[in-house]
Amino acid sequence: MLSPFAVVAHRPLPARAVQGLTAGRIPGLSSKPGADGLFEYRRPEGKSGGHGVGWSEIPRYGFRVPAGWEETPVSIADLGGTEIDLRFGGADGQLSVVVAPVLRFVDVGFNADVRIEELGPPDRIVAGFAPELFGAPLQEGDTLETEVERKGDLTYYTYVLKPPAGGPGGNVGGRRLVAATAFKNRLFLMAASANPRQWRRAESELRAIVKSFNVKTT
């Protein structure tokens, strides 16, 4: 689903269409781990994305993962459609990153600079994206934990959720974790999921991955 914008000879792109022009997946994972043994992913500069002609360049988000987690292809058939910007997977779970226009929540103009507090409380944000992230709406009692945290210039909402009823492992033992923030004209959400066995084995690692999610503001 990641299609580069074509550059037509003698027809310069409009000044606002500055989305990255590099086709395909560009590796963004560090080749060596940090002192804590984790590898850092940072969205590559120039990576293309299907987020609408005329949008400003996507700010570079990042996170940290243990060895064995790798980027996996994103399909246009994914539940989140063109708003799924990235997928990762490992033996202990999988994650995706959604990059969506804040226009889904507020009526703002081009180049707006919106923060997640302006889009609504934590329950509104996660409920609005549950179908794209997990294939099913949230049900009463699905949200087990909610946290609001300030990191640098941005506020982040984080959640721990039950898996959808009827999904792998039923509704017992597994978990879904989400981190969300907003910057400029986009909302960023990382969602990780683990089945019961993965959650029992790697709960601390999964929490650390989601906790590490961040968006660069400079």
C-alpha atoms as a PDB file:
ATOM      1  CA  MET A   1       0.000   0.000   0.000  1.00  0.00           C
ATOM      2  CA  LEU A   2       2.960   2.300   0.216  1.00  0.00           C
ATOM      3  CA  SER A   3       2.938   3.969  -3.194  1.00  0.00           C
ATOM      4  CA  PRO A   4       5.448   6.655  -4.167  1.00  0.00           C
ATOM      5  CA  PHE A   5       4.088   9.858  -5.636  1.00  0.00           C
ATOM      6  CA  ALA A   6       4.962  10.118  -9.313  1.00  0.00           C
ATOM      7  CA  VAL A   7       6.954  13.178 -10.395  1.00  0.00           C
ATOM      8  CA  VAL A   8       5.768  14.304 -13.832  1.00  0.00           C
ATOM      9  CA  ALA A   9       8.283  16.116 -16.042  1.00  0.00           C
ATOM     10  CA  HIS A  10       7.774  19.883 -16.255  1.00  0.00           C
ATOM     11  CA  ARG A  11       5.015  19.714 -13.595  1.00  0.00           C
ATOM     12  CA  PRO A  12       6.528  20.536 -10.188  1.00  0.00           C
ATOM     13  CA  LEU A  13       4.775  19.206  -7.123  1.00  0.00           C
ATOM     14  CA  PRO A  14       2.720  21.724  -5.141  1.00  0.00           C
ATOM     15  CA  ALA A  15       4.616  23.267  -2.265  1.00  0.00           C
ATOM     16  CA  ARG A  16       2.460  21.442   0.286  1.00  0.00           C
ATOM     17  CA  ALA A  17       2.984  17.951  -1.165  1.00  0.00           C
ATOM     18  CA  VAL A  18       6.176  17.152   0.662  1.00  0.00           C
ATOM     19  CA  GLN A  19       5.494  13.550   1.642  1.00  0.00           C
ATOM     20  CA  GLY A  20       8.570  11.341   1.308  1.00  0.00           C
ATOM     21  CA  LEU A  21       9.245  10.037  -2.215  1.00  0.00           C
ATOM     22  CA  THR A  22      11.298   6.925  -1.494  1.00  0.00           C
ATOM     23  CA  ALA A  23       9.518   3.760  -2.597  1.00  0.00           C
ATOM     24  CA  GLY A  24       9.262   0.541  -0.627  1.00  0.00           C
ATOM     25  CA  ARG A  25      10.360  -0.333   2.880  1.00  0.00           C
ATOM     26  CA  ILE A  26      13.465   1.434   4.123  1.00  0.00           C
ATOM     27  CA  PRO A  27      15.227  -0.265   7.033  1.00  0.00           C
ATOM     28  CA  GLY A  28      14.870   1.806  10.179  1.00  0.00           C
ATOM     29  CA  LEU A  29      16.100  -0.616  12.828  1.00  0.00           C
ATOM     30  CA  SER A  30      19.519  -0.043  14.351  1.00  0.00           C
ATOM     31  CA  SER A  31      22.146  -2.632  13.437  1.00  0.00           C
ATOM     32  CA  LYS A  32      23.461  -2.869  16.992  1.00  0.00           C
ATOM     33  CA  PRO A  33      21.635  -2.920  20.333  1.00  0.00           C
ATOM     34  CA  GLY A  34      21.981  -0.223  22.950  1.00  0.00           C
ATOM     35  CA  ALA A  35      23.456  -0.702  26.395  1.00  0.00           C
ATOM     36  CA  ASP A  36      20.140  -2.197  27.530  1.00  0.00           C
ATOM     37  CA  GLY A  37      20.243  -4.830  24.800  1.00  0.00           C
ATOM     38  CA  LEU A  38      17.350  -3.297  22.844  1.00  0.00           C
ATOM     39  CA  PHE A  39      17.396  -2.247  19.197  1.00  0.00           C
ATOM     40  CA  GLU A  40      16.003   1.160  18.223  1.00  0.00           C
ATOM     41  CA  TYR A  41      13.627   1.708  15.330  1.00  0.00           C
ATOM     42  CA  ARG A  42      13.292   5.229  13.933  1.00  0.00           C
ATOM     43  CA  ARG A  43      11.038   5.953  10.957  1.00  0.00           C
ATOM     44  CA  PRO A  44      13.437   6.688   8.091  1.00  0.00           C
ATOM     45  CA  GLU A  45      13.515  10.155   6.593  1.00  0.00           C
ATOM     46  CA  GLY A  46      12.007  10.110   3.124  1.00  0.00           C
ATOM     47  CA  LYS A  47       9.915   6.982   3.660  1.00  0.00           C
ATOM     48  CA  SER A  48       6.805   7.209   1.515  1.00  0.00           C
ATOM     49  CA  GLY A  49       3.350   6.692   2.913  1.00  0.00           C
ATOM     50  CA  GLY A  50      -0.239   6.500   1.742  1.00  0.00           C
ATOM     51  CA  HIS A  51      -1.482   9.318   3.939  1.00  0.00           C
ATOM     52  CA  GLY A  52      -2.802  11.745   1.364  1.00  0.00           C
ATOM     53  CA  VAL A  53      -1.259  14.099  -1.166  1.00  0.00           C
ATOM     54  CA  GLY A  54      -0.663  17.499   0.359  1.00  0.00           C
ATOM     55  CA  TRP A  55       0.112  16.292   3.871  1.00  0.00           C
ATOM     56  CA  SER A  56       3.308  17.503   5.433  1.00  0.00           C
ATOM     57  CA  GLU A  57       6.176  15.060   5.968  1.00  0.00           C
ATOM     58  CA  ILE A  58       5.412  12.521   8.702  1.00  0.00           C
ATOM     59  CA  PRO A  59       7.378  13.285  11.893  1.00  0.00           C
ATOM     60  CA  ARG A  60       9.847  10.537  12.770  1.00  0.00           C
ATOM     61  CA  TYR A  61       8.441   8.267  15.422  1.00  0.00           C
ATOM     62  CA  GLY A  62      10.450   5.516  17.088  1.00  0.00           C
ATOM     63  CA  PHE A  63      10.487   2.712  19.645  1.00  0.00           C
ATOM     64  CA  ARG A  64      12.769  -0.008  21.023  1.00  0.00           C
ATOM     65  CA  VAL A  65      12.476  -3.776  20.594  1.00  0.00           C
ATOM     66  CA  PRO A  66      14.391  -6.860  21.764  1.00  0.00           C
ATOM     67  CA  ALA A  67      16.447  -8.989  19.376  1.00  0.00           C
ATOM     68  CA  GLY A  68      14.315 -11.051  17.028  1.00  0.00           C
ATOM     69  CA  TRP A  69      11.675  -8.420  16.276  1.00  0.00           C
ATOM     70  CA  GLU A  70      11.611  -7.484  12.586  1.00  0.00           C
ATOM     71  CA  GLU A  71       9.610  -5.281  10.249  1.00  0.00           C
ATOM     72  CA  THR A  72       6.980  -7.133   8.234  1.00  0.00           C
ATOM     73  CA  PRO A  73       5.163  -6.056   5.038  1.00  0.00           C
ATOM     74  CA  VAL A  74       2.031  -3.920   5.236  1.00  0.00           C
ATOM     75  CA  SER A  75      -0.816  -4.848   2.907  1.00  0.00           C
ATOM     76  CA  ILE A  76      -3.518  -2.581   1.543  1.00  0.00           C
ATOM     77  CA  ALA A  77      -5.920  -5.268   2.758  1.00  0.00           C
ATOM     78  CA  ASP A  78      -4.952  -4.565   6.376  1.00  0.00           C
ATOM     79  CA  LEU A  79      -7.762  -3.552   8.704  1.00  0.00           C
ATOM     80  CA  GLY A  80      -6.307  -0.071   9.078  1.00  0.00           C
ATOM     81  CA  GLY A  81      -6.002   0.453   5.320  1.00  0.00           C
ATOM     82  CA  THR A  82      -3.684   3.260   4.316  1.00  0.00           C
ATOM     83  CA  GLU A  83      -3.378   4.451   7.920  1.00  0.00           C
ATOM     84  CA  ILE A  84      -1.234   1.443   8.916  1.00  0.00           C
ATOM     85  CA  ASP A  85       2.277   2.833   8.485  1.00  0.00           C
ATOM     86  CA  LEU A  86       4.325  -0.046   9.913  1.00  0.00           C
ATOM     87  CA  ARG A  87       4.166  -3.612  11.198  1.00  0.00           C
ATOM     88  CA  PHE A  88       6.681  -5.511  13.339  1.00  0.00           C
ATOM     89  CA  GLY A  89       6.649  -9.051  14.625  1.00  0.00           C
ATOM     90  CA  GLY A  90       8.581 -11.343  16.924  1.00  0.00           C
ATOM     91  CA  ALA A  91       8.271 -14.597  18.821  1.00  0.00           C
ATOM     92  CA  ASP A  92       6.546 -12.795  21.696  1.00  0.00           C
ATOM     93  CA  GLY A  93       3.966 -10.738  19.833  1.00  0.00           C
ATOM     94  CA  GLN A  94       3.296  -8.314  17.036  1.00  0.00           C
ATOM     95  CA  LEU A  95       2.810  -4.580  16.708  1.00  0.00           C
ATOM     96  CA  SER A  96       1.574  -1.998  14.260  1.00  0.00           C
ATOM     97  CA  VAL A  97       1.764   1.772  14.012  1.00  0.00           C
ATOM     98  CA  VAL A  98      -1.153   3.834  12.747  1.00  0.00           C
ATOM     99  CA  VAL A  99      -0.618   7.379  11.473  1.00  0.00           C
ATOM    100  CA  ALA A 100      -3.982   9.083  11.011  1.00  0.00           C
ATOM    101  CA  PRO A 101      -5.155  12.645  10.306  1.00  0.00           C
ATOM    102  CA  VAL A 102      -6.428  14.529  13.332  1.00  0.00           C
ATOM    103  CA  LEU A 103      -9.322  15.579  11.100  1.00  0.00           C
ATOM    104  CA  ARG A 104     -11.006  12.394  12.279  1.00  0.00           C
ATOM    105  CA  PHE A 105     -11.521  14.168  15.598  1.00  0.00           C
ATOM    106  CA  VAL A 106     -11.335  17.933  15.029  1.00  0.00           C
ATOM    107  CA  ASP A 107     -11.915  20.309  12.127  1.00  0.00           C
ATOM    108  CA  VAL A 108      -8.532  21.965  11.567  1.00  0.00           C
ATOM    109  CA  GLY A 109      -6.733  23.398   8.573  1.00  0.00           C
ATOM    110  CA  PHE A 110      -3.563  22.360   6.769  1.00  0.00           C
ATOM    111  CA  ASN A 111      -0.395  22.447   8.898  1.00  0.00           C
ATOM    112  CA  ALA A 112      -2.359  22.520  12.151  1.00  0.00           C
ATOM    113  CA  ASP A 113      -0.420  21.701  15.308  1.00  0.00           C
ATOM    114  CA  VAL A 114      -2.681  19.639  17.547  1.00  0.00           C
ATOM    115  CA  ARG A 115      -1.936  17.744  20.766  1.00  0.00           C
ATOM    116  CA  ILE A 116      -3.725  14.635  21.937  1.00  0.00           C
ATOM    117  CA  GLU A 117      -5.351  16.455  24.866  1.00  0.00           C
ATOM    118  CA  GLU A 118      -7.248  18.544  22.293  1.00  0.00           C
ATOM    119  CA  LEU A 119      -8.646  15.430  20.586  1.00  0.00           C
ATOM    120  CA  GLY A 120     -10.382  14.044  23.643  1.00  0.00           C
ATOM    121  CA  PRO A 121      -9.920  11.905  26.748  1.00  0.00           C
ATOM    122  CA  PRO A 122      -8.117   8.544  26.617  1.00  0.00           C
ATOM    123  CA  ASP A 123     -11.268   6.441  26.285  1.00  0.00           C
ATOM    124  CA  ARG A 124     -12.419   8.346  23.192  1.00  0.00           C
ATOM    125  CA  ILE A 125      -9.105   7.900  21.374  1.00  0.00           C
ATOM    126  CA  VAL A 126      -8.705   4.161  21.873  1.00  0.00           C
ATOM    127  CA  ALA A 127     -12.380   3.445  21.182  1.00  0.00           C
ATOM    128  CA  GLY A 128     -12.201   5.397  17.926  1.00  0.00           C
ATOM    129  CA  PHE A 129      -9.384   3.240  16.549  1.00  0.00           C
ATOM    130  CA  ALA A 130     -10.071  -0.196  18.045  1.00  0.00           C
ATOM    131  CA  PRO A 131     -11.699  -1.565  14.847  1.00  0.00           C
ATOM    132  CA  GLU A 132      -8.664  -0.634  12.726  1.00  0.00           C
ATOM    133  CA  LEU A 133      -6.135  -1.773  15.291  1.00  0.00           C
ATOM    134  CA  PHE A 134      -7.753  -5.015  16.370  1.00  0.00           C
ATOM    135  CA  GLY A 135     -10.646  -5.784  14.030  1.00  0.00           C
ATOM    136  CA  ALA A 136     -13.360  -5.281  16.632  1.00  0.00           C
ATOM    137  CA  PRO A 137     -14.829  -2.422  18.675  1.00  0.00           C
ATOM    138  CA  LEU A 138     -14.049  -2.151  22.365  1.00  0.00           C
ATOM    139  CA  GLN A 139     -16.552  -3.709  24.717  1.00  0.00           C
ATOM    140  CA  GLU A 140     -17.387  -2.621  28.238  1.00  0.00           C
ATOM    141  CA  GLY A 141     -14.700  -3.862  30.570  1.00  0.00           C
ATOM    142  CA  ASP A 142     -12.060  -4.336  27.840  1.00  0.00           C
ATOM    143  CA  THR A 143      -9.862  -1.516  29.162  1.00  0.00           C
ATOM    144  CA  LEU A 144      -7.818  -2.835  32.089  1.00  0.00           C
ATOM    145  CA  GLU A 145      -5.298  -0.002  32.521  1.00  0.00           C
ATOM    146  CA  THR A 146      -5.022   3.608  31.332  1.00  0.00           C
ATOM    147  CA  GLU A 147      -2.125   5.988  31.903  1.00  0.00           C
ATOM    148  CA  VAL A 148      -1.510   9.602  30.902  1.00  0.00           C
ATOM    149  CA  GLU A 149       2.170  10.512  30.768  1.00  0.00           C
ATOM    150  CA  ARG A 150       4.143  13.547  29.682  1.00  0.00           C
ATOM    151  CA  LYS A 151       7.328  12.782  27.699  1.00  0.00           C
ATOM    152  CA  GLY A 152       9.206  15.808  26.416  1.00  0.00           C
ATOM    153  CA  ASP A 153       6.834  18.133  24.583  1.00  0.00           C
ATOM    154  CA  LEU A 154       4.020  15.625  24.129  1.00  0.00           C
ATOM    155  CA  THR A 155       1.428  13.822  26.216  1.00  0.00           C
ATOM    156  CA  TYR A 156       1.001  10.078  25.667  1.00  0.00           C
ATOM    157  CA  TYR A 157      -1.993   7.905  26.467  1.00  0.00           C
ATOM    158  CA  THR A 158      -1.185   4.244  27.131  1.00  0.00           C
ATOM    159  CA  TYR A 159      -3.601   1.367  27.606  1.00  0.00           C
ATOM    160  CA  VAL A 160      -3.713  -2.320  28.480  1.00  0.00           C
ATOM    161  CA  LEU A 161      -6.744  -4.061  26.985  1.00  0.00           C
ATOM    162  CA  LYS A 162      -8.273  -7.512  26.955  1.00  0.00           C
ATOM    163  CA  PRO A 163      -8.149  -9.333  23.625  1.00  0.00           C
ATOM    164  CA  PRO A 164     -11.396  -9.353  21.632  1.00  0.00           C
ATOM    165  CA  ALA A 165     -13.907 -12.004  22.649  1.00  0.00           C
ATOM    166  CA  GLY A 166     -13.711 -15.003  20.352  1.00  0.00           C
ATOM    167  CA  GLY A 167     -10.170 -14.159  19.229  1.00  0.00           C
ATOM    168  CA  PRO A 168      -7.082 -16.360  19.670  1.00  0.00           C
ATOM    169  CA  GLY A 169      -7.008 -17.598  23.238  1.00  0.00           C
ATOM    170  CA  GLY A 170     -10.589 -16.459  23.785  1.00  0.00           C
ATOM    171  CA  ASN A 171     -10.887 -13.557  26.168  1.00  0.00           C
ATOM    172  CA  VAL A 172      -8.560 -14.940  28.844  1.00  0.00           C
ATOM    173  CA  GLY A 173      -4.853 -14.373  29.318  1.00  0.00           C
ATOM    174  CA  GLY A 174      -3.753 -12.453  26.247  1.00  0.00           C
ATOM    175  CA  ARG A 175      -3.378  -8.695  26.102  1.00  0.00           C
ATOM    176  CA  ARG A 176      -3.459  -5.723  23.732  1.00  0.00           C
ATOM    177  CA  LEU A 177      -1.319  -2.665  24.515  1.00  0.00           C
ATOM    178  CA  VAL A 178      -1.645   0.770  22.927  1.00  0.00           C
ATOM    179  CA  ALA A 179       0.344   4.015  23.082  1.00  0.00           C
ATOM    180  CA  ALA A 180      -1.057   7.166  21.450  1.00  0.00           C
ATOM    181  CA  THR A 181       0.002  10.778  20.970  1.00  0.00           C
ATOM    182  CA  ALA A 182      -0.668  13.628  18.534  1.00  0.00           C
ATOM    183  CA  PHE A 183       1.724  16.066  16.903  1.00  0.00           C
ATOM    184  CA  LYS A 184       1.042  18.643  14.210  1.00  0.00           C
ATOM    185  CA  ASN A 185      -1.772  17.321  11.984  1.00  0.00           C
ATOM    186  CA  ARG A 186      -1.489  13.611  12.809  1.00  0.00           C
ATOM    187  CA  LEU A 187      -2.410  11.131  15.498  1.00  0.00           C
ATOM    188  CA  PHE A 188       0.111   8.350  16.168  1.00  0.00           C
ATOM    189  CA  LEU A 189      -0.863   5.018  17.716  1.00  0.00           C
ATOM    190  CA  MET A 190       1.269   1.970  18.418  1.00  0.00           C
ATOM    191  CA  ALA A 191      -0.664  -1.213  19.139  1.00  0.00           C
ATOM    192  CA  ALA A 192       0.943  -4.453  20.329  1.00  0.00           C
ATOM    193  CA  SER A 193      -0.782  -7.765  20.928  1.00  0.00           C
ATOM    194  CA  ALA A 194       0.189 -11.023  22.598  1.00  0.00           C
ATOM    195  CA  ASN A 195      -1.550 -14.341  23.095  1.00  0.00           C
ATOM    196  CA  PRO A 196      -1.751 -15.811  26.614  1.00  0.00           C
ATOM    197  CA  ARG A 197       1.514 -17.729  26.331  1.00  0.00           C
ATOM    198  CA  GLN A 198       3.401 -14.717  24.930  1.00  0.00           C
ATOM    199  CA  TRP A 199       2.003 -12.454  27.644  1.00  0.00           C
ATOM    200  CA  ARG A 200       3.052 -14.805  30.436  1.00  0.00           C
ATOM    201  CA  ARG A 201       6.535 -15.122  28.985  1.00  0.00           C
ATOM    202  CA  ALA A 202       7.253 -11.548  27.907  1.00  0.00           C
ATOM    203  CA  GLU A 203       4.904  -9.129  29.675  1.00  0.00           C
ATOM    204  CA  SER A 204       7.749  -6.867  30.821  1.00  0.00           C
ATOM    205  CA  GLU A 205       9.290  -6.725  27.330  1.00  0.00           C
ATOM    206  CA  LEU A 206       5.953  -5.935  25.697  1.00  0.00           C
ATOM    207  CA  ARG A 207       5.241  -3.176  28.182  1.00  0.00           C
ATOM    208  CA  ALA A 208       8.730  -1.752  27.573  1.00  0.00           C
ATOM    209  CA  ILE A 209       8.220  -1.715  23.805  1.00  0.00           C
ATOM    210  CA  VAL A 210       4.968   0.244  24.049  1.00  0.00           C
ATOM    211  CA  LYS A 211       6.364   2.524  26.749  1.00  0.00           C
ATOM    212  CA  SER A 212       9.304   3.397  24.477  1.00  0.00           C
ATOM    213  CA  PHE A 213       7.091   4.715  21.668  1.00  0.00           C
ATOM    214  CA  ASN A 214       7.911   8.357  20.936  1.00  0.00           C
ATOM    215  CA  VAL A 215       7.497  11.026  18.263  1.00  0.00           C
ATOM    216  CA  LYS A 216      10.286  13.479  17.505  1.00  0.00           C
ATOM    217  CA  THR A 217       9.181  17.106  17.756  1.00  0.00           C
ATOM    218  CA  THR A 218      12.446  18.729  16.616  1.00  0.00           C
END
